[in-house]
Amino acid sequence: MQLGVVFPQLDIGADPAAVRDYAQAAEALGYTHILAFDHVVGINPGSRPGWKGHYDHTAMFHEPFVLFGFLAGVTRKLGFINGVLVLPQRQTPLVAKQAAEVDVLCGGRLRLGVGVGWNGPEFEAMGEEFGNRGRRIEEQIALLRRLWSEELVTFDGEWHRIADAGINPLPVQRPIPIWIGGSAEVVIKRVGRLGDGWLPQFPGMDPALSNTGAQPRRFEAPEALIERMRGYAREAGRDPRAIGIEGRSSIKDQSPDDWISVYSRWKALGATHLSVNTMRAGLTGPDAHIDAIRRYKEAVDGA
């Protein structure tokens, strides 16, 4: 199981030196990848009575493709994954171009994590429709893979029209792996049918989820959800063993023994990757986050 870090974007600030130092420290400590969240605009809850969201305009989000392009130049081995990019609120050929450029700059170290998103006002700000985002993302995934693999593409879909055109440069990975985030039933099916990997959110596995409302409404054991995803993969004629699973472990309100327990649980579930999240744990400044991922690594290395 590969161990990565969640980029502490809510806490790290906007100093590029701090961003560089954090990523280089993670790489030096032996972490394999860095995961970054995605939001383009933040909503002012004061002007929207009744709005209940996970983040508002006070939460800092570095733009993931620009961030990864910067980090590609200051790291050598660290992989990058969006966790997740809200794909339906973005133009698909532009995402293909941006992801391909990052993959070129980092030498093929990118995994593109995508999801449908939850924030209707953000879709409105981006000029995209919120209600059909689930159906659109499947067409987007199909188009992304063709744009990354073919010099010229002709595509006539429900939402996309491309006539004999393509992106240049193409990525190192053809296509870039697409990982799908979420734990709703429709997402589990989508992962089984289409995903190279899954970024699930399981109740009890990550205490940070209890503060965001992001966990599934209906509790089921992670083992059952994973087996159902693998069943959907088999129905689609795919090898479920080829679909990766990326877990998450938060240090918030957790002891080193808890870290080891969560780490071991994900490993037992068959997770291929795990990212440690140090945000919302009362840490101030990049040095505190670097110290936290150092302590986490030391705790779980023998697990």
Foldseek 3Di string as FASTA:
>chain_A
DAEAAEQQQQFADDDVVLLLVLLVLRVVLPHAAYEFEDDDAFADCVVPPPDDAQGGRSGGGDHQLVSLLVNLVRDQGYAYEYPAAQPQLDDLQVVLQSVQVSLASNVNRYAHEYENDDDQVRSVVSVGHNPCSLVVVVVSLVVSLCQLADQFDADDDPPDGGDGHHDPPRHNDNRHFYEYEEQPPSSLLCCLQPHQEYEYDAPPLEVVCVSGVRHDPDHDDPLVSLVVSCVSNVVNVHHSLSYAYEEEYECAVHDLVRLQVSVVVCVVSVHPYYYYYDYPRPDHYSVSVSVVVSVNCVSNVVD
